[in-house]
C-alpha atoms as a PDB file:
ATOM      1  CA  MET A   1      -2.064   1.396   7.433  1.00  0.00           C
ATOM      2  CA  GLY A   2       0.771   3.425   8.945  1.00  0.00           C
ATOM      3  CA  VAL A   3       4.026   3.269   6.229  1.00  0.00           C
ATOM      4  CA  ILE A   4       7.759   2.476   7.101  1.00  0.00           C
ATOM      5  CA  ASN A   5       9.601   2.824   4.551  1.00  0.00           C
ATOM      6  CA  CYS A   6      13.060   0.896   5.423  1.00  0.00           C
ATOM      7  CA  THR A   7      14.731   2.335   2.470  1.00  0.00           C
ATOM      8  CA  PRO A   8      17.175   5.814   1.320  1.00  0.00           C
ATOM      9  CA  ASP A   9      15.091   6.767  -1.449  1.00  0.00           C
ATOM     10  CA  SER A  10      11.191   6.492  -1.096  1.00  0.00           C
ATOM     11  CA  PHE A  11       9.477   9.043  -2.483  1.00  0.00           C
ATOM     12  CA  HIS A  12       8.470  11.377   0.980  1.00  0.00           C
ATOM     13  CA  GLU A  13      11.704  11.859   2.504  1.00  0.00           C
ATOM     14  CA  ALA A  14       9.694  12.027   6.123  1.00  0.00           C
ATOM     15  CA  SER A  15       9.106   8.488   5.712  1.00  0.00           C
ATOM     16  CA  ARG A  16      12.479   7.044   4.835  1.00  0.00           C
ATOM     17  CA  ALA A  17      13.563   4.951   8.189  1.00  0.00           C
ATOM     18  CA  HIS A  18      16.586   3.347   6.726  1.00  0.00           C
ATOM     19  CA  SER A  19      18.537   2.383   9.754  1.00  0.00           C
ATOM     20  CA  PHE A  20      17.093  -0.643  12.046  1.00  0.00           C
ATOM     21  CA  GLU A  21      16.331   1.843  14.875  1.00  0.00           C
ATOM     22  CA  LEU A  22      15.056   4.841  13.065  1.00  0.00           C
ATOM     23  CA  ALA A  23      12.556   1.792  11.760  1.00  0.00           C
ATOM     24  CA  VAL A  24      11.875   0.586  14.993  1.00  0.00           C
ATOM     25  CA  GLU A  25      11.200   3.842  16.598  1.00  0.00           C
ATOM     26  CA  ARG A  26       9.008   4.573  13.756  1.00  0.00           C
ATOM     27  CA  GLY A  27       6.720   1.696  13.704  1.00  0.00           C
ATOM     28  CA  LEU A  28       5.855   1.983  17.691  1.00  0.00           C
ATOM     29  CA  ARG A  29       5.162   5.466  17.022  1.00  0.00           C
ATOM     30  CA  LEU A  30       2.669   4.720  14.122  1.00  0.00           C
ATOM     31  CA  ALA A  31       1.140   2.183  16.665  1.00  0.00           C
ATOM     32  CA  GLN A  32       0.403   4.596  19.734  1.00  0.00           C
ATOM     33  CA  GLU A  33      -0.661   6.938  17.279  1.00  0.00           C
ATOM     34  CA  GLY A  34      -3.397   4.575  16.541  1.00  0.00           C
ATOM     35  CA  ALA A  35      -2.302   2.781  12.721  1.00  0.00           C
ATOM     36  CA  ASP A  36      -4.486  -0.520  12.684  1.00  0.00           C
ATOM     37  CA  CYS A  37      -1.519  -2.167  10.759  1.00  0.00           C
ATOM     38  CA  LEU A  38       2.623  -1.809   9.823  1.00  0.00           C
ATOM     39  CA  ASP A  39       3.265  -2.272   6.087  1.00  0.00           C
ATOM     40  CA  ILE A  40       7.529  -2.377   5.891  1.00  0.00           C
ATOM     41  CA  GLY A  41       9.164  -2.196   2.172  1.00  0.00           C
ATOM     42  CA  GLY A  42      12.654  -2.564   1.684  1.00  0.00           C
ATOM     43  CA  GLN A  43      12.552  -1.449  -1.667  1.00  0.00           C
ATOM     44  CA  SER A  44      11.320   1.874  -2.900  1.00  0.00           C
ATOM     45  CA  THR A  45       8.306   1.391  -5.741  1.00  0.00           C
ATOM     46  CA  ARG A  46       8.376   5.350  -6.873  1.00  0.00           C
ATOM     47  CA  PRO A  47       8.065   6.022 -10.529  1.00  0.00           C
ATOM     48  CA  GLY A  48      11.310   5.362 -11.935  1.00  0.00           C
ATOM     49  CA  SER A  49      12.801   3.261  -9.246  1.00  0.00           C
ATOM     50  CA  GLU A  50      15.038   0.419  -9.862  1.00  0.00           C
ATOM     51  CA  ALA A  51      14.981  -2.905  -8.007  1.00  0.00           C
ATOM     52  CA  VAL A  52      17.217  -3.625  -5.132  1.00  0.00           C
ATOM     53  CA  PRO A  53      18.856  -6.683  -5.002  1.00  0.00           C
ATOM     54  CA  PRO A  54      17.089  -9.376  -2.082  1.00  0.00           C
ATOM     55  CA  ASP A  55      19.711  -9.439   0.189  1.00  0.00           C
ATOM     56  CA  VAL A  56      19.450  -5.567   0.515  1.00  0.00           C
ATOM     57  CA  GLU A  57      15.428  -6.186   1.134  1.00  0.00           C
ATOM     58  CA  ARG A  58      16.151  -8.745   3.442  1.00  0.00           C
ATOM     59  CA  SER A  59      18.743  -7.199   5.565  1.00  0.00           C
ATOM     60  CA  ARG A  60      16.654  -3.800   5.553  1.00  0.00           C
ATOM     61  CA  VAL A  61      12.797  -5.545   6.737  1.00  0.00           C
ATOM     62  CA  ILE A  62      13.555  -8.725   8.288  1.00  0.00           C
ATOM     63  CA  GLY A  63      14.936  -7.710  11.468  1.00  0.00           C
ATOM     64  CA  VAL A  64      12.757  -4.921  11.710  1.00  0.00           C
ATOM     65  CA  ILE A  65       9.539  -6.568  11.614  1.00  0.00           C
ATOM     66  CA  GLN A  66      10.764  -9.232  14.232  1.00  0.00           C
ATOM     67  CA  SER A  67      11.591  -6.752  16.371  1.00  0.00           C
ATOM     68  CA  LEU A  68       8.059  -5.020  16.085  1.00  0.00           C
ATOM     69  CA  ALA A  69       5.989  -8.284  15.569  1.00  0.00           C
ATOM     70  CA  ARG A  70       7.391  -8.463  19.709  1.00  0.00           C
ATOM     71  CA  GLN A  71       6.405  -4.671  20.569  1.00  0.00           C
ATOM     72  CA  VAL A  72       3.148  -4.145  18.432  1.00  0.00           C
ATOM     73  CA  LYS A  73      -0.300  -5.797  19.096  1.00  0.00           C
ATOM     74  CA  VAL A  74      -1.655  -4.712  15.163  1.00  0.00           C
ATOM     75  CA  PRO A  75      -0.296  -6.914  12.684  1.00  0.00           C
ATOM     76  CA  ILE A  76       2.670  -6.276  10.327  1.00  0.00           C
ATOM     77  CA  SER A  77       2.194  -6.316   6.359  1.00  0.00           C
ATOM     78  CA  ILE A  78       5.511  -6.680   4.231  1.00  0.00           C
ATOM     79  CA  ASP A  79       5.569  -4.741   1.111  1.00  0.00           C
ATOM     80  CA  THR A  80       7.619  -6.726  -1.260  1.00  0.00           C
ATOM     81  CA  ASP A  81       6.954  -8.488  -4.987  1.00  0.00           C
ATOM     82  CA  LYS A  82       9.299 -11.625  -3.931  1.00  0.00           C
ATOM     83  CA  ALA A  83       8.210 -14.664  -2.736  1.00  0.00           C
ATOM     84  CA  SER A  84      11.532 -15.043  -1.009  1.00  0.00           C
ATOM     85  CA  ILE A  85      11.354 -11.870   1.416  1.00  0.00           C
ATOM     86  CA  ALA A  86       7.291 -12.478   1.804  1.00  0.00           C
ATOM     87  CA  ALA A  87       7.931 -15.865   3.246  1.00  0.00           C
ATOM     88  CA  GLU A  88      10.461 -15.111   5.525  1.00  0.00           C
ATOM     89  CA  ALA A  89       8.274 -11.923   6.305  1.00  0.00           C
ATOM     90  CA  LEU A  90       5.682 -14.309   7.341  1.00  0.00           C
ATOM     91  CA  ASP A  91       8.030 -16.360   9.782  1.00  0.00           C
ATOM     92  CA  ALA A  92       9.331 -13.431  11.392  1.00  0.00           C
ATOM     93  CA  GLY A  93       5.766 -12.199  12.295  1.00  0.00           C
ATOM     94  CA  ALA A  94       4.146 -10.449   9.155  1.00  0.00           C
ATOM     95  CA  ARG A  95       0.319 -11.882   8.603  1.00  0.00           C
ATOM     96  CA  ILE A  96       0.025  -9.601   5.473  1.00  0.00           C
ATOM     97  CA  ILE A  97       1.589  -9.829   2.019  1.00  0.00           C
ATOM     98  CA  ASN A  98       1.124  -6.657   0.067  1.00  0.00           C
ATOM     99  CA  ASP A  99       2.303  -6.849  -3.640  1.00  0.00           C
ATOM    100  CA  VAL A 100       2.640  -4.333  -6.082  1.00  0.00           C
ATOM    101  CA  THR A 101       2.712  -6.295  -8.745  1.00  0.00           C
ATOM    102  CA  ALA A 102      -0.442  -8.490  -7.432  1.00  0.00           C
ATOM    103  CA  LEU A 103       1.342 -11.731  -7.679  1.00  0.00           C
ATOM    104  CA  ARG A 104       3.082 -11.487 -11.324  1.00  0.00           C
ATOM    105  CA  GLY A 105       6.103 -10.816 -10.215  1.00  0.00           C
ATOM    106  CA  ASP A 106       7.486 -13.875  -8.683  1.00  0.00           C
ATOM    107  CA  PRO A 107       5.993 -17.136 -10.219  1.00  0.00           C
ATOM    108  CA  GLY A 108       6.186 -18.189  -6.078  1.00  0.00           C
ATOM    109  CA  MET A 109       4.448 -15.530  -4.863  1.00  0.00           C
ATOM    110  CA  ALA A 110       0.771 -16.973  -4.602  1.00  0.00           C
ATOM    111  CA  ALA A 111       1.601 -20.093  -3.046  1.00  0.00           C
ATOM    112  CA  VAL A 112       3.441 -17.369  -0.491  1.00  0.00           C
ATOM    113  CA  ALA A 113       0.147 -15.356  -0.238  1.00  0.00           C
ATOM    114  CA  ALA A 114      -2.021 -17.975   0.519  1.00  0.00           C
ATOM    115  CA  ARG A 115      -0.257 -18.523   3.998  1.00  0.00           C
ATOM    116  CA  ALA A 116      -0.898 -14.584   5.200  1.00  0.00           C
ATOM    117  CA  ASP A 117      -3.954 -13.419   6.839  1.00  0.00           C
ATOM    118  CA  ARG A 118      -4.527 -10.633   4.355  1.00  0.00           C
ATOM    119  CA  VAL A 119      -3.307 -10.473   0.960  1.00  0.00           C
ATOM    120  CA  VAL A 120      -3.273  -6.944  -1.032  1.00  0.00           C
ATOM    121  CA  LEU A 121      -3.504  -6.987  -4.733  1.00  0.00           C
ATOM    122  CA  MET A 122      -2.513  -3.782  -6.208  1.00  0.00           C
ATOM    123  CA  HIS A 123      -3.241  -3.075  -9.845  1.00  0.00           C
ATOM    124  CA  MET A 124       0.181  -1.479 -11.372  1.00  0.00           C
ATOM    125  CA  LEU A 125       0.336  -1.295 -15.475  1.00  0.00           C
ATOM    126  CA  GLY A 126       2.990  -3.383 -16.673  1.00  0.00           C
ATOM    127  CA  LEU A 127       5.359  -4.896 -14.160  1.00  0.00           C
ATOM    128  CA  SER A 128       7.716  -2.409 -12.847  1.00  0.00           C
ATOM    129  CA  PRO A 129       7.326   0.914 -11.565  1.00  0.00           C
ATOM    130  CA  LYS A 130      11.060   1.869 -13.853  1.00  0.00           C
ATOM    131  CA  THR A 131       8.637   1.297 -16.071  1.00  0.00           C
ATOM    132  CA  MET A 132       5.207   2.038 -15.442  1.00  0.00           C
ATOM    133  CA  GLN A 133       4.560   5.915 -15.725  1.00  0.00           C
ATOM    134  CA  LEU A 134       5.812   6.189 -19.418  1.00  0.00           C
ATOM    135  CA  ASP A 135       2.567   7.572 -21.386  1.00  0.00           C
ATOM    136  CA  PRO A 136       0.296   5.425 -19.552  1.00  0.00           C
ATOM    137  CA  SER A 137      -3.257   5.068 -21.218  1.00  0.00           C
ATOM    138  CA  TYR A 138      -6.670   3.434 -21.458  1.00  0.00           C
ATOM    139  CA  ASP A 139      -9.595   3.130 -23.204  1.00  0.00           C
ATOM    140  CA  ASP A 140     -11.358   2.983 -19.726  1.00  0.00           C
ATOM    141  CA  CYS A 141      -9.743   3.228 -17.126  1.00  0.00           C
ATOM    142  CA  VAL A 142     -11.802   1.893 -14.286  1.00  0.00           C
ATOM    143  CA  ARG A 143     -13.291  -0.634 -16.349  1.00  0.00           C
ATOM    144  CA  GLU A 144      -9.845  -1.964 -17.685  1.00  0.00           C
ATOM    145  CA  VAL A 145      -8.585  -1.755 -13.591  1.00  0.00           C
ATOM    146  CA  LYS A 146     -11.591  -3.530 -12.535  1.00  0.00           C
ATOM    147  CA  SER A 147     -11.369  -6.415 -14.736  1.00  0.00           C
ATOM    148  CA  PHE A 148      -7.330  -6.857 -13.788  1.00  0.00           C
ATOM    149  CA  LEU A 149      -7.976  -6.925  -9.806  1.00  0.00           C
ATOM    150  CA  ARG A 150     -11.121  -9.669 -10.794  1.00  0.00           C
ATOM    151  CA  GLU A 151      -8.676 -11.448 -12.974  1.00  0.00           C
ATOM    152  CA  ARG A 152      -5.910 -11.452  -9.938  1.00  0.00           C
ATOM    153  CA  LEU A 153      -8.291 -12.844  -6.915  1.00  0.00           C
ATOM    154  CA  ASP A 154      -9.576 -15.510  -9.317  1.00  0.00           C
ATOM    155  CA  ALA A 155      -5.850 -16.683  -9.786  1.00  0.00           C
ATOM    156  CA  PHE A 156      -4.982 -16.288  -6.177  1.00  0.00           C
ATOM    157  CA  VAL A 157      -7.917 -18.378  -5.453  1.00  0.00           C
ATOM    158  CA  CYS A 158      -6.642 -20.876  -8.115  1.00  0.00           C
ATOM    159  CA  ALA A 159      -3.818 -20.800  -6.426  1.00  0.00           C
ATOM    160  CA  GLY A 160      -4.923 -21.884  -3.085  1.00  0.00           C
ATOM    161  CA  GLY A 161      -5.679 -18.632  -1.756  1.00  0.00           C
ATOM    162  CA  ARG A 162      -9.073 -17.801  -0.133  1.00  0.00           C
ATOM    163  CA  ALA A 163     -11.214 -14.700  -1.292  1.00  0.00           C
ATOM    164  CA  ASP A 164     -12.069 -13.507   2.182  1.00  0.00           C
ATOM    165  CA  ARG A 165      -8.466 -12.994   2.937  1.00  0.00           C
ATOM    166  CA  VAL A 166      -7.880 -10.356  -0.329  1.00  0.00           C
ATOM    167  CA  TRP A 167      -7.708  -5.958  -0.288  1.00  0.00           C
ATOM    168  CA  VAL A 168      -7.981  -4.921  -3.988  1.00  0.00           C
ATOM    169  CA  ASP A 169      -5.905  -1.489  -4.397  1.00  0.00           C
ATOM    170  CA  PRO A 170      -6.465   0.292  -7.784  1.00  0.00           C
ATOM    171  CA  GLY A 171      -2.889   1.505  -7.929  1.00  0.00           C
ATOM    172  CA  ILE A 172      -2.991   5.398  -7.545  1.00  0.00           C
ATOM    173  CA  GLY A 173       0.032   6.714  -9.200  1.00  0.00           C
ATOM    174  CA  PHE A 174       1.454   2.550 -10.287  1.00  0.00           C
ATOM    175  CA  GLY A 175       0.931   3.958 -14.411  1.00  0.00           C
ATOM    176  CA  LYS A 176      -1.581   6.461 -14.136  1.00  0.00           C
ATOM    177  CA  THR A 177      -2.160   9.835 -15.120  1.00  0.00           C
ATOM    178  CA  VAL A 178      -2.994  12.799 -13.154  1.00  0.00           C
ATOM    179  CA  ASP A 179      -7.059  12.067 -14.583  1.00  0.00           C
ATOM    180  CA  HIS A 180      -6.916   8.333 -14.197  1.00  0.00           C
ATOM    181  CA  ASN A 181      -5.839   9.098 -11.230  1.00  0.00           C
ATOM    182  CA  VAL A 182      -8.264  11.465 -10.279  1.00  0.00           C
ATOM    183  CA  LEU A 183     -11.408   8.999 -11.561  1.00  0.00           C
ATOM    184  CA  LEU A 184     -10.574   5.890  -9.759  1.00  0.00           C
ATOM    185  CA  ILE A 185     -10.900   7.857  -6.322  1.00  0.00           C
ATOM    186  CA  ARG A 186     -14.027   9.565  -7.705  1.00  0.00           C
ATOM    187  CA  ARG A 187     -15.469   6.315  -8.306  1.00  0.00           C
ATOM    188  CA  LEU A 188     -13.544   4.216  -5.384  1.00  0.00           C
ATOM    189  CA  GLY A 189     -16.627   2.574  -4.219  1.00  0.00           C
ATOM    190  CA  GLU A 190     -16.921   0.691  -7.204  1.00  0.00           C
ATOM    191  CA  PHE A 191     -14.112  -1.482  -6.178  1.00  0.00           C
ATOM    192  CA  SER A 192     -15.709  -3.036  -3.138  1.00  0.00           C
ATOM    193  CA  GLU A 193     -17.952  -5.458  -5.459  1.00  0.00           C
ATOM    194  CA  ILE A 194     -15.074  -7.051  -5.677  1.00  0.00           C
ATOM    195  CA  ALA A 195     -13.486  -6.966  -2.422  1.00  0.00           C
ATOM    196  CA  PRO A 196     -12.600  -5.203   0.422  1.00  0.00           C
ATOM    197  CA  VAL A 197     -10.706  -1.864  -0.592  1.00  0.00           C
ATOM    198  CA  LEU A 198      -7.166  -0.261   0.402  1.00  0.00           C
ATOM    199  CA  ILE A 199      -6.049   3.133  -0.867  1.00  0.00           C
ATOM    200  CA  GLY A 200      -2.634   4.223  -0.862  1.00  0.00           C
ATOM    201  CA  ALA A 201      -2.707   7.794  -2.295  1.00  0.00           C
ATOM    202  CA  SER A 202      -0.819   9.422   0.528  1.00  0.00           C
ATOM    203  CA  ARG A 203       1.777  12.219  -0.098  1.00  0.00           C
ATOM    204  CA  LYS A 204       1.263  11.547  -3.544  1.00  0.00           C
ATOM    205  CA  SER A 205       2.351  13.524  -6.707  1.00  0.00           C
ATOM    206  CA  LEU A 206      -1.257  13.869  -7.611  1.00  0.00           C
ATOM    207  CA  PHE A 207      -1.566  16.420  -5.402  1.00  0.00           C
ATOM    208  CA  GLY A 208       0.937  18.696  -6.777  1.00  0.00           C
ATOM    209  CA  LYS A 209      -0.349  18.983  -9.818  1.00  0.00           C
ATOM    210  CA  ILE A 210      -4.298  19.619  -8.385  1.00  0.00           C
ATOM    211  CA  THR A 211      -2.578  22.251  -6.160  1.00  0.00           C
ATOM    212  CA  PRO A 212       1.076  23.211  -7.010  1.00  0.00           C
ATOM    213  CA  ASP A 213       3.279  22.784  -4.038  1.00  0.00           C
ATOM    214  CA  THR A 214       6.914  22.427  -3.734  1.00  0.00           C
ATOM    215  CA  GLY A 215       6.567  18.758  -2.635  1.00  0.00           C
ATOM    216  CA  PRO A 216       5.378  15.987  -0.832  1.00  0.00           C
ATOM    217  CA  HIS A 217       5.977  17.652   2.603  1.00  0.00           C
ATOM    218  CA  ASP A 218       2.640  20.040   1.538  1.00  0.00           C
ATOM    219  CA  ARG A 219       0.695  17.467   0.251  1.00  0.00           C
ATOM    220  CA  LEU A 220      -1.069  16.621   3.331  1.00  0.00           C
ATOM    221  CA  ALA A 221      -4.192  18.521   2.420  1.00  0.00           C
ATOM    222  CA  GLY A 222      -4.674  16.648  -0.236  1.00  0.00           C
ATOM    223  CA  SER A 223      -3.571  13.503   1.511  1.00  0.00           C
ATOM    224  CA  LEU A 224      -6.533  14.258   3.859  1.00  0.00           C
ATOM    225  CA  ALA A 225      -9.298  14.704   1.741  1.00  0.00           C
ATOM    226  CA  VAL A 226      -8.274  11.006  -0.275  1.00  0.00           C
ATOM    227  CA  ALA A 227      -8.760   9.594   3.241  1.00  0.00           C
ATOM    228  CA  ALA A 228     -11.904  11.264   3.922  1.00  0.00           C
ATOM    229  CA  TRP A 229     -13.325  10.459   0.484  1.00  0.00           C
ATOM    230  CA  ALA A 230     -12.196   6.714   0.832  1.00  0.00           C
ATOM    231  CA  CYS A 231     -13.886   6.826   3.857  1.00  0.00           C
ATOM    232  CA  LEU A 232     -16.953   7.682   3.054  1.00  0.00           C
ATOM    233  CA  SER A 233     -16.728   5.287  -0.182  1.00  0.00           C
ATOM    234  CA  GLY A 234     -16.567   2.250   1.871  1.00  0.00           C
ATOM    235  CA  ALA A 235     -12.944   1.533   1.964  1.00  0.00           C
ATOM    236  CA  ALA A 236     -11.382  -0.523   4.318  1.00  0.00           C
ATOM    237  CA  VAL A 237      -8.252   0.353   4.356  1.00  0.00           C
ATOM    238  CA  VAL A 238      -6.340   3.891   3.819  1.00  0.00           C
ATOM    239  CA  ARG A 239      -2.421   3.430   3.743  1.00  0.00           C
ATOM    240  CA  VAL A 240      -0.715   6.709   5.178  1.00  0.00           C
ATOM    241  CA  HIS A 241       2.041   8.730   5.874  1.00  0.00           C
ATOM    242  CA  ASP A 242       0.569  10.439   8.537  1.00  0.00           C
ATOM    243  CA  VAL A 243      -1.370   8.149  11.199  1.00  0.00           C
ATOM    244  CA  ALA A 244      -1.944  10.965  13.623  1.00  0.00           C
ATOM    245  CA  ASP A 245      -3.700  13.315  11.610  1.00  0.00           C
ATOM    246  CA  THR A 246      -5.296  10.732   9.378  1.00  0.00           C
ATOM    247  CA  ASN A 247      -7.028   8.961  12.948  1.00  0.00           C
ATOM    248  CA  ARG A 248      -8.056  12.114  14.118  1.00  0.00           C
ATOM    249  CA  LEU A 249      -9.745  13.016  10.505  1.00  0.00           C
ATOM    250  CA  LEU A 250     -11.482   9.356  10.349  1.00  0.00           C
ATOM    251  CA  LYS A 251     -12.836   9.475  14.061  1.00  0.00           C
ATOM    252  CA  THR A 252     -14.315  12.946  13.373  1.00  0.00           C
ATOM    253  CA  LEU A 253     -16.018  11.657   9.885  1.00  0.00           C
ATOM    254  CA  CYS A 254     -17.198   8.517  11.980  1.00  0.00           C
ATOM    255  CA  ALA A 255     -18.557  10.849  14.883  1.00  0.00           C
ATOM    256  CA  LEU A 256     -20.539  12.899  12.673  1.00  0.00           C
ATOM    257  CA  ALA A 257     -21.722   9.846  10.879  1.00  0.00           C
ATOM    258  CA  GLY A 258     -22.959   8.456  14.083  1.00  0.00           C
ATOM    259  CA  VAL A 259     -20.634   5.075  13.219  1.00  0.00           C
ATOM    260  CA  ARG A 260     -17.584   3.374  14.587  1.00  0.00           C
END
């Protein structure tokens, strides 16, 4: 899953495509580099970020989705916590809904998500990226994240959704310390008991704490290490900024393992 941030403030500056032309260009490039789907977002969810009004988010993403849906063969995902944006994105050609609140942030989201080909349910501590990193704590991080994702999957099914259309995401960096993140990645395979797993760790701050760096631009090696671990742990999807490098890595791993 290739990331297209239609924002001026996402944490990885090189991923920002804060004009229609740049976003479409990035989407076409990522598809050419081997992305199996494109995740388009118009609101940053970095720690401490503020929500943006729906009209701003709409103006950033809907035209980009319409354009890319006409030009690429891979499915398009909308990264949003707003039901109205998700519904317009599906009408514009998106097929996947990626909601960092796991359908909790907007009471209308579950009904919209039931229309999508795929839905990503992600764990986040609380409901807001603005406050999620304020002293996150758990009694048993893995058990609690798994329990949350099972509950959200059940809630989606109760709202009319299909369980076989769900990907679950443990939410690396969304209300977790470095130790929490490392533990979740180490035990990533356990989440496949719930549903196919998507992981998004690309370029995140945990890498700068494992091996000190000067910012997101220094974190390709760590990101590739996690992509490899995720592949070997049975993850279905890795959400990344660096599609070409990740694609080469995964193809090499699969060749060595003798699988496709």
